Amino acid sequence: MRIDVLLNKLCLTKTRSIAKNAADKGLLQINGKPAKASAIVKEGDEIVLKLYGYANLLRITEIPSGNVAKKDAGNYYQMISREPIE
């Protein structure tokens, strides 16, 4: 699944276009490498997301097969670290 779609489905960004713009500005990384909005994410990948004043390190545990309810979004990833951006 594309990273911009995944971040939107898991409620990590408010819209897909915010995720796309973050990728275009170099604020997203997959496994330590800068990611484009069209980059494919697989189970086990680690994503660095620098948005909303924090640098979040996430590990994807499962790829959703459709839309995800907001209360269930946390079941698809594991938050490894969250640090404020200076």
PDB file of N, CA and C in Angstrom:
ATOM      1  N   MET A   1       0.843  -1.178   0.000  1.00  0.00           N
ATOM      2  CA  MET A   1       0.000   0.000   0.000  1.00  0.00           C
ATOM      3  C   MET A   1       0.895   1.250   0.000  1.00  0.00           C
ATOM      4  N   ARG A   2       0.490   2.269  -0.726  1.00  0.00           N
ATOM      5  CA  ARG A   2       1.247   3.520  -0.774  1.00  0.00           C
ATOM      6  C   ARG A   2       1.305   4.153   0.614  1.00  0.00           C
ATOM      7  N   ILE A   3       2.420   4.817   0.917  1.00  0.00           N
ATOM      8  CA  ILE A   3       2.599   5.395   2.241  1.00  0.00           C
ATOM      9  C   ILE A   3       1.608   6.524   2.510  1.00  0.00           C
ATOM     10  N   ASP A   4       1.275   7.329   1.509  1.00  0.00           N
ATOM     11  CA  ASP A   4       0.334   8.419   1.759  1.00  0.00           C
ATOM     12  C   ASP A   4      -1.066   7.885   2.073  1.00  0.00           C
ATOM     13  N   VAL A   5      -1.481   6.829   1.399  1.00  0.00           N
ATOM     14  CA  VAL A   5      -2.782   6.215   1.659  1.00  0.00           C
ATOM     15  C   VAL A   5      -2.781   5.543   3.035  1.00  0.00           C
ATOM     16  N   LEU A   6      -1.700   4.841   3.355  1.00  0.00           N
ATOM     17  CA  LEU A   6      -1.611   4.143   4.633  1.00  0.00           C
ATOM     18  C   LEU A   6      -1.686   5.115   5.821  1.00  0.00           C
ATOM     19  N   LEU A   7      -0.930   6.204   5.755  1.00  0.00           N
ATOM     20  CA  LEU A   7      -0.943   7.170   6.850  1.00  0.00           C
ATOM     21  C   LEU A   7      -2.326   7.777   7.040  1.00  0.00           C
ATOM     22  N   ASN A   8      -3.044   7.982   5.955  1.00  0.00           N
ATOM     23  CA  ASN A   8      -4.397   8.511   6.067  1.00  0.00           C
ATOM     24  C   ASN A   8      -5.345   7.470   6.654  1.00  0.00           C
ATOM     25  N   LYS A   9      -5.272   6.230   6.193  1.00  0.00           N
ATOM     26  CA  LYS A   9      -6.164   5.178   6.702  1.00  0.00           C
ATOM     27  C   LYS A   9      -5.948   4.894   8.185  1.00  0.00           C
ATOM     28  N   LEU A  10      -4.687   5.020   8.638  1.00  0.00           N
ATOM     29  CA  LEU A  10      -4.380   4.752  10.044  1.00  0.00           C
ATOM     30  C   LEU A  10      -4.526   5.998  10.915  1.00  0.00           C
ATOM     31  N   CYS A  11      -5.127   7.047  10.367  1.00  0.00           N
ATOM     32  CA  CYS A  11      -5.409   8.289  11.102  1.00  0.00           C
ATOM     33  C   CYS A  11      -4.145   8.951  11.644  1.00  0.00           C
ATOM     34  N   LEU A  12      -3.015   8.770  10.974  1.00  0.00           N
ATOM     35  CA  LEU A  12      -1.774   9.413  11.386  1.00  0.00           C
ATOM     36  C   LEU A  12      -1.642  10.791  10.755  1.00  0.00           C
ATOM     37  N   THR A  13      -2.349  11.022   9.647  1.00  0.00           N
ATOM     38  CA  THR A  13      -2.480  12.357   9.068  1.00  0.00           C
ATOM     39  C   THR A  13      -3.966  12.611   8.860  1.00  0.00           C
ATOM     40  N   LYS A  14      -4.330  13.880   8.812  1.00  0.00           N
ATOM     41  CA  LYS A  14      -5.749  14.217   8.673  1.00  0.00           C
ATOM     42  C   LYS A  14      -6.272  13.931   7.274  1.00  0.00           C
ATOM     43  N   THR A  15      -5.423  14.135   6.266  1.00  0.00           N
ATOM     44  CA  THR A  15      -5.825  13.853   4.886  1.00  0.00           C
ATOM     45  C   THR A  15      -4.670  13.210   4.137  1.00  0.00           C
ATOM     46  N   ARG A  16      -4.997  12.592   2.994  1.00  0.00           N
ATOM     47  CA  ARG A  16      -3.955  11.979   2.180  1.00  0.00           C
ATOM     48  C   ARG A  16      -3.053  13.045   1.580  1.00  0.00           C
ATOM     49  N   SER A  17      -3.608  14.195   1.264  1.00  0.00           N
ATOM     50  CA  SER A  17      -2.786  15.247   0.663  1.00  0.00           C
ATOM     51  C   SER A  17      -1.758  15.790   1.652  1.00  0.00           C
ATOM     52  N   ILE A  18      -2.054  15.789   2.942  1.00  0.00           N
ATOM     53  CA  ILE A  18      -1.061  16.182   3.948  1.00  0.00           C
ATOM     54  C   ILE A  18       0.083  15.181   3.950  1.00  0.00           C
ATOM     55  N   ALA A  19      -0.235  13.898   3.860  1.00  0.00           N
ATOM     56  CA  ALA A  19       0.809  12.861   3.806  1.00  0.00           C
ATOM     57  C   ALA A  19       1.638  13.001   2.534  1.00  0.00           C
ATOM     58  N   LYS A  20       0.994  13.310   1.411  1.00  0.00           N
ATOM     59  CA  LYS A  20       1.714  13.489   0.147  1.00  0.00           C
ATOM     60  C   LYS A  20       2.653  14.692   0.235  1.00  0.00           C
ATOM     61  N   ASN A  21       2.171  15.801   0.775  1.00  0.00           N
ATOM     62  CA  ASN A  21       3.012  16.995   0.914  1.00  0.00           C
ATOM     63  C   ASN A  21       4.188  16.739   1.857  1.00  0.00           C
ATOM     64  N   ALA A  22       3.956  15.981   2.924  1.00  0.00           N
ATOM     65  CA  ALA A  22       5.038  15.638   3.859  1.00  0.00           C
ATOM     66  C   ALA A  22       6.112  14.824   3.140  1.00  0.00           C
ATOM     67  N   ALA A  23       5.693  13.899   2.291  1.00  0.00           N
ATOM     68  CA  ALA A  23       6.656  13.094   1.534  1.00  0.00           C
ATOM     69  C   ALA A  23       7.428  13.974   0.554  1.00  0.00           C
ATOM     70  N   ASP A  24       6.736  14.890  -0.103  1.00  0.00           N
ATOM     71  CA  ASP A  24       7.384  15.787  -1.067  1.00  0.00           C
ATOM     72  C   ASP A  24       8.421  16.683  -0.388  1.00  0.00           C
ATOM     73  N   LYS A  25       8.199  17.022   0.881  1.00  0.00           N
ATOM     74  CA  LYS A  25       9.118  17.893   1.626  1.00  0.00           C
ATOM     75  C   LYS A  25      10.201  17.113   2.360  1.00  0.00           C
ATOM     76  N   GLY A  26      10.210  15.794   2.238  1.00  0.00           N
ATOM     77  CA  GLY A  26      11.249  14.979   2.862  1.00  0.00           C
ATOM     78  C   GLY A  26      11.016  14.700   4.338  1.00  0.00           C
ATOM     79  N   LEU A  27       9.765  14.754   4.788  1.00  0.00           N
ATOM     80  CA  LEU A  27       9.441  14.529   6.201  1.00  0.00           C
ATOM     81  C   LEU A  27       9.090  13.073   6.503  1.00  0.00           C
ATOM     82  N   LEU A  28       9.110  12.217   5.500  1.00  0.00           N
ATOM     83  CA  LEU A  28       8.811  10.793   5.682  1.00  0.00           C
ATOM     84  C   LEU A  28      10.010   9.950   5.295  1.00  0.00           C
ATOM     85  N   GLN A  29      10.253   8.902   6.078  1.00  0.00           N
ATOM     86  CA  GLN A  29      11.297   7.935   5.749  1.00  0.00           C
ATOM     87  C   GLN A  29      10.747   6.534   5.961  1.00  0.00           C
ATOM     88  N   ILE A  30      11.174   5.616   5.108  1.00  0.00           N
ATOM     89  CA  ILE A  30      10.849   4.199   5.280  1.00  0.00           C
ATOM     90  C   ILE A  30      12.167   3.468   5.436  1.00  0.00           C
ATOM     91  N   ASN A  31      12.343   2.791   6.539  1.00  0.00           N
ATOM     92  CA  ASN A  31      13.569   2.042   6.839  1.00  0.00           C
ATOM     93  C   ASN A  31      14.815   2.907   6.665  1.00  0.00           C
ATOM     94  N   GLY A  32      14.743   4.154   7.113  1.00  0.00           N
ATOM     95  CA  GLY A  32      15.891   5.046   7.095  1.00  0.00           C
ATOM     96  C   GLY A  32      16.174   5.756   5.788  1.00  0.00           C
ATOM     97  N   LYS A  33      15.326   5.542   4.774  1.00  0.00           N
ATOM     98  CA  LYS A  33      15.530   6.181   3.472  1.00  0.00           C
ATOM     99  C   LYS A  33      14.363   7.122   3.181  1.00  0.00           C
ATOM    100  N   PRO A  34      14.636   8.290   2.595  1.00  0.00           N
ATOM    101  CA  PRO A  34      13.539   9.207   2.248  1.00  0.00           C
ATOM    102  C   PRO A  34      12.511   8.518   1.355  1.00  0.00           C
ATOM    103  N   ALA A  35      11.236   8.811   1.610  1.00  0.00           N
ATOM    104  CA  ALA A  35      10.164   8.135   0.887  1.00  0.00           C
ATOM    105  C   ALA A  35       9.367   9.119   0.057  1.00  0.00           C
ATOM    106  N   LYS A  36       9.011   8.698  -1.149  1.00  0.00           N
ATOM    107  CA  LYS A  36       8.069   9.442  -1.971  1.00  0.00           C
ATOM    108  C   LYS A  36       6.664   9.032  -1.550  1.00  0.00           C
ATOM    109  N   ALA A  37       5.677   9.812  -1.946  1.00  0.00           N
ATOM    110  CA  ALA A  37       4.286   9.513  -1.591  1.00  0.00           C
ATOM    111  C   ALA A  37       3.834   8.172  -2.175  1.00  0.00           C
ATOM    112  N   SER A  38       4.437   7.759  -3.273  1.00  0.00           N
ATOM    113  CA  SER A  38       4.029   6.516  -3.933  1.00  0.00           C
ATOM    114  C   SER A  38       4.800   5.300  -3.433  1.00  0.00           C
ATOM    115  N   ALA A  39       5.680   5.484  -2.450  1.00  0.00           N
ATOM    116  CA  ALA A  39       6.476   4.361  -1.935  1.00  0.00           C
ATOM    117  C   ALA A  39       5.556   3.314  -1.315  1.00  0.00           C
ATOM    118  N   ILE A  40       5.871   2.066  -1.567  1.00  0.00           N
ATOM    119  CA  ILE A  40       5.068   0.953  -1.060  1.00  0.00           C
ATOM    120  C   ILE A  40       5.565   0.557   0.330  1.00  0.00           C
ATOM    121  N   VAL A  41       4.613   0.390   1.255  1.00  0.00           N
ATOM    122  CA  VAL A  41       4.918  -0.011   2.634  1.00  0.00           C
ATOM    123  C   VAL A  41       4.490  -1.456   2.817  1.00  0.00           C
ATOM    124  N   LYS A  42       5.350  -2.242   3.479  1.00  0.00           N
ATOM    125  CA  LYS A  42       5.049  -3.640   3.768  1.00  0.00           C
ATOM    126  C   LYS A  42       5.060  -3.862   5.275  1.00  0.00           C
ATOM    127  N   GLU A  43       4.537  -4.989   5.710  1.00  0.00           N
ATOM    128  CA  GLU A  43       4.576  -5.329   7.132  1.00  0.00           C
ATOM    129  C   GLU A  43       6.019  -5.384   7.596  1.00  0.00           C
ATOM    130  N   GLY A  44       6.282  -4.856   8.790  1.00  0.00           N
ATOM    131  CA  GLY A  44       7.619  -4.873   9.350  1.00  0.00           C
ATOM    132  C   GLY A  44       8.442  -3.641   9.020  1.00  0.00           C
ATOM    133  N   ASP A  45       7.977  -2.804   8.096  1.00  0.00           N
ATOM    134  CA  ASP A  45       8.707  -1.581   7.762  1.00  0.00           C
ATOM    135  C   ASP A  45       8.646  -0.588   8.913  1.00  0.00           C
ATOM    136  N   GLU A  46       9.724   0.184   9.063  1.00  0.00           N
ATOM    137  CA  GLU A  46       9.762   1.242  10.068  1.00  0.00           C
ATOM    138  C   GLU A  46       9.646   2.582   9.363  1.00  0.00           C
ATOM    139  N   ILE A  47       8.735   3.404   9.842  1.00  0.00           N
ATOM    140  CA  ILE A  47       8.452   4.690   9.227  1.00  0.00           C
ATOM    141  C   ILE A  47       8.791   5.798  10.212  1.00  0.00           C
ATOM    142  N   VAL A  48       9.509   6.809   9.745  1.00  0.00           N
ATOM    143  CA  VAL A  48       9.739   8.029  10.515  1.00  0.00           C
ATOM    144  C   VAL A  48       8.836   9.090   9.920  1.00  0.00           C
ATOM    145  N   LEU A  49       7.995   9.670  10.767  1.00  0.00           N
ATOM    146  CA  LEU A  49       7.023  10.676  10.356  1.00  0.00           C
ATOM    147  C   LEU A  49       7.278  11.945  11.158  1.00  0.00           C
ATOM    148  N   LYS A  50       7.702  13.006  10.484  1.00  0.00           N
ATOM    149  CA  LYS A  50       7.991  14.269  11.159  1.00  0.00           C
ATOM    150  C   LYS A  50       6.883  15.262  10.827  1.00  0.00           C
ATOM    151  N   LEU A  51       5.828  15.223  11.645  1.00  0.00           N
ATOM    152  CA  LEU A  51       4.677  16.091  11.440  1.00  0.00           C
ATOM    153  C   LEU A  51       4.116  16.520  12.781  1.00  0.00           C
ATOM    154  N   TYR A  52       3.397  17.648  12.761  1.00  0.00           N
ATOM    155  CA  TYR A  52       2.681  18.137  13.939  1.00  0.00           C
ATOM    156  C   TYR A  52       3.597  18.357  15.137  1.00  0.00           C
ATOM    157  N   GLY A  53       4.874  18.716  14.882  1.00  0.00           N
ATOM    158  CA  GLY A  53       5.801  19.051  15.960  1.00  0.00           C
ATOM    159  C   GLY A  53       6.506  17.868  16.606  1.00  0.00           C
ATOM    160  N   TYR A  54       6.328  16.665  16.071  1.00  0.00           N
ATOM    161  CA  TYR A  54       6.953  15.474  16.647  1.00  0.00           C
ATOM    162  C   TYR A  54       7.611  14.633  15.554  1.00  0.00           C
ATOM    163  N   ALA A  55       8.658  13.925  15.938  1.00  0.00           N
ATOM    164  CA  ALA A  55       9.272  12.916  15.085  1.00  0.00           C
ATOM    165  C   ALA A  55       8.830  11.562  15.637  1.00  0.00           C
ATOM    166  N   ASN A  56       7.984  10.875  14.899  1.00  0.00           N
ATOM    167  CA  ASN A  56       7.439   9.590  15.328  1.00  0.00           C
ATOM    168  C   ASN A  56       8.124   8.462  14.584  1.00  0.00           C
ATOM    169  N   LEU A  57       8.528   7.431  15.313  1.00  0.00           N
ATOM    170  CA  LEU A  57       9.075   6.218  14.713  1.00  0.00           C
ATOM    171  C   LEU A  57       8.050   5.117  14.917  1.00  0.00           C
ATOM    172  N   LEU A  58       7.548   4.573  13.810  1.00  0.00           N
ATOM    173  CA  LEU A  58       6.492   3.559  13.838  1.00  0.00           C
ATOM    174  C   LEU A  58       6.955   2.294  13.148  1.00  0.00           C
ATOM    175  N   ARG A  59       6.480   1.157  13.622  1.00  0.00           N
ATOM    176  CA  ARG A  59       6.690  -0.115  12.927  1.00  0.00           C
ATOM    177  C   ARG A  59       5.311  -0.620  12.501  1.00  0.00           C
ATOM    178  N   ILE A  60       5.171  -0.902  11.225  1.00  0.00           N
ATOM    179  CA  ILE A  60       3.901  -1.383  10.684  1.00  0.00           C
ATOM    180  C   ILE A  60       3.792  -2.879  10.992  1.00  0.00           C
ATOM    181  N   THR A  61       2.735  -3.264  11.706  1.00  0.00           N
ATOM    182  CA  THR A  61       2.556  -4.668  12.070  1.00  0.00           C
ATOM    183  C   THR A  61       1.613  -5.392  11.113  1.00  0.00           C
ATOM    184  N   GLU A  62       0.737  -4.622  10.450  1.00  0.00           N
ATOM    185  CA  GLU A  62      -0.220  -5.236   9.534  1.00  0.00           C
ATOM    186  C   GLU A  62      -0.686  -4.161   8.546  1.00  0.00           C
ATOM    187  N   ILE A  63      -0.920  -4.564   7.316  1.00  0.00           N
ATOM    188  CA  ILE A  63      -1.433  -3.650   6.297  1.00  0.00           C
ATOM    189  C   ILE A  63      -2.951  -3.834   6.242  1.00  0.00           C
ATOM    190  N   PRO A  64      -3.728  -2.756   6.420  1.00  0.00           N
ATOM    191  CA  PRO A  64      -5.190  -2.899   6.379  1.00  0.00           C
ATOM    192  C   PRO A  64      -5.678  -3.234   4.976  1.00  0.00           C
ATOM    193  N   SER A  65      -6.771  -3.967   4.893  1.00  0.00           N
ATOM    194  CA  SER A  65      -7.296  -4.363   3.592  1.00  0.00           C
ATOM    195  C   SER A  65      -8.436  -3.453   3.138  1.00  0.00           C
ATOM    196  N   GLY A  66      -8.773  -2.470   3.918  1.00  0.00           N
ATOM    197  CA  GLY A  66      -9.842  -1.536   3.561  1.00  0.00           C
ATOM    198  C   GLY A  66      -9.790  -0.357   4.500  1.00  0.00           C
ATOM    199  N   ASN A  67     -10.925   0.289   4.681  1.00  0.00           N
ATOM    200  CA  ASN A  67     -10.977   1.404   5.615  1.00  0.00           C
ATOM    201  C   ASN A  67     -10.850   0.891   7.046  1.00  0.00           C
ATOM    202  N   VAL A  68     -10.291   1.744   7.917  1.00  0.00           N
ATOM    203  CA  VAL A  68     -10.035   1.366   9.308  1.00  0.00           C
ATOM    204  C   VAL A  68     -10.767   2.336  10.219  1.00  0.00           C
ATOM    205  N   ALA A  69     -11.487   1.798  11.198  1.00  0.00           N
ATOM    206  CA  ALA A  69     -12.135   2.657  12.192  1.00  0.00           C
ATOM    207  C   ALA A  69     -11.056   3.315  13.050  1.00  0.00           C
ATOM    208  N   LYS A  70     -11.300   4.548  13.464  1.00  0.00           N
ATOM    209  CA  LYS A  70     -10.301   5.298  14.228  1.00  0.00           C
ATOM    210  C   LYS A  70      -9.895   4.545  15.496  1.00  0.00           C
ATOM    211  N   LYS A  71     -10.846   3.888  16.158  1.00  0.00           N
ATOM    212  CA  LYS A  71     -10.536   3.161  17.396  1.00  0.00           C
ATOM    213  C   LYS A  71      -9.678   1.920  17.148  1.00  0.00           C
ATOM    214  N   ASP A  72      -9.687   1.399  15.912  1.00  0.00           N
ATOM    215  CA  ASP A  72      -8.917   0.201  15.583  1.00  0.00           C
ATOM    216  C   ASP A  72      -7.589   0.507  14.898  1.00  0.00           C
ATOM    217  N   ALA A  73      -7.314   1.770  14.602  1.00  0.00           N
ATOM    218  CA  ALA A  73      -6.120   2.138  13.841  1.00  0.00           C
ATOM    219  C   ALA A  73      -4.836   1.727  14.556  1.00  0.00           C
ATOM    220  N   GLY A  74      -4.794   1.782  15.877  1.00  0.00           N
ATOM    221  CA  GLY A  74      -3.600   1.433  16.631  1.00  0.00           C
ATOM    222  C   GLY A  74      -3.214  -0.033  16.550  1.00  0.00           C
ATOM    223  N   ASN A  75      -4.103  -0.881  16.065  1.00  0.00           N
ATOM    224  CA  ASN A  75      -3.814  -2.310  15.940  1.00  0.00           C
ATOM    225  C   ASN A  75      -2.890  -2.616  14.766  1.00  0.00           C
ATOM    226  N   TYR A  76      -2.695  -1.653  13.877  1.00  0.00           N
ATOM    227  CA  TYR A  76      -1.934  -1.883  12.649  1.00  0.00           C
ATOM    228  C   TYR A  76      -0.495  -1.380  12.731  1.00  0.00           C
ATOM    229  N   TYR A  77      -0.141  -0.671  13.792  1.00  0.00           N
ATOM    230  CA  TYR A  77       1.228  -0.190  13.934  1.00  0.00           C
ATOM    231  C   TYR A  77       1.632  -0.158  15.401  1.00  0.00           C
ATOM    232  N   GLN A  78       2.942  -0.084  15.621  1.00  0.00           N
ATOM    233  CA  GLN A  78       3.501   0.002  16.970  1.00  0.00           C
ATOM    234  C   GLN A  78       4.332   1.276  17.030  1.00  0.00           C
ATOM    235  N   MET A  79       4.033   2.129  18.010  1.00  0.00           N
ATOM    236  CA  MET A  79       4.789   3.370  18.193  1.00  0.00           C
ATOM    237  C   MET A  79       6.063   3.028  18.952  1.00  0.00           C
ATOM    238  N   ILE A  80       7.219   3.221  18.306  1.00  0.00           N
ATOM    239  CA  ILE A  80       8.502   2.904  18.926  1.00  0.00           C
ATOM    240  C   ILE A  80       9.021   4.096  19.717  1.00  0.00           C
ATOM    241  N   SER A  81       8.962   5.282  19.112  1.00  0.00           N
ATOM    242  CA  SER A  81       9.394   6.482  19.845  1.00  0.00           C
ATOM    243  C   SER A  81       8.658   7.697  19.303  1.00  0.00           C
ATOM    244  N   ARG A  82       8.569   8.723  20.156  1.00  0.00           N
ATOM    245  CA  ARG A  82       7.937   9.985  19.806  1.00  0.00           C
ATOM    246  C   ARG A  82       8.706  11.087  20.516  1.00  0.00           C
ATOM    247  N   GLU A  83       9.364  11.938  19.737  1.00  0.00           N
ATOM    248  CA  GLU A  83      10.186  12.988  20.307  1.00  0.00           C
ATOM    249  C   GLU A  83       9.782  14.326  19.705  1.00  0.00           C
ATOM    250  N   PRO A  84       9.764  15.395  20.509  1.00  0.00           N
ATOM    251  CA  PRO A  84       9.448  16.719  19.959  1.00  0.00           C
ATOM    252  C   PRO A  84      10.543  17.199  19.005  1.00  0.00           C
ATOM    253  N   ILE A  85      10.118  17.895  17.973  1.00  0.00           N
ATOM    254  CA  ILE A  85      11.059  18.493  17.017  1.00  0.00           C
ATOM    255  C   ILE A  85      11.378  19.892  17.512  1.00  0.00           C
ATOM    256  N   GLU A  86      12.662  20.220  17.528  1.00  0.00           N
ATOM    257  CA  GLU A  86      13.070  21.532  18.027  1.00  0.00           C
ATOM    258  C   GLU A  86      13.026  22.590  16.957  1.00  0.00           C
TER     259      GLU A  86
END
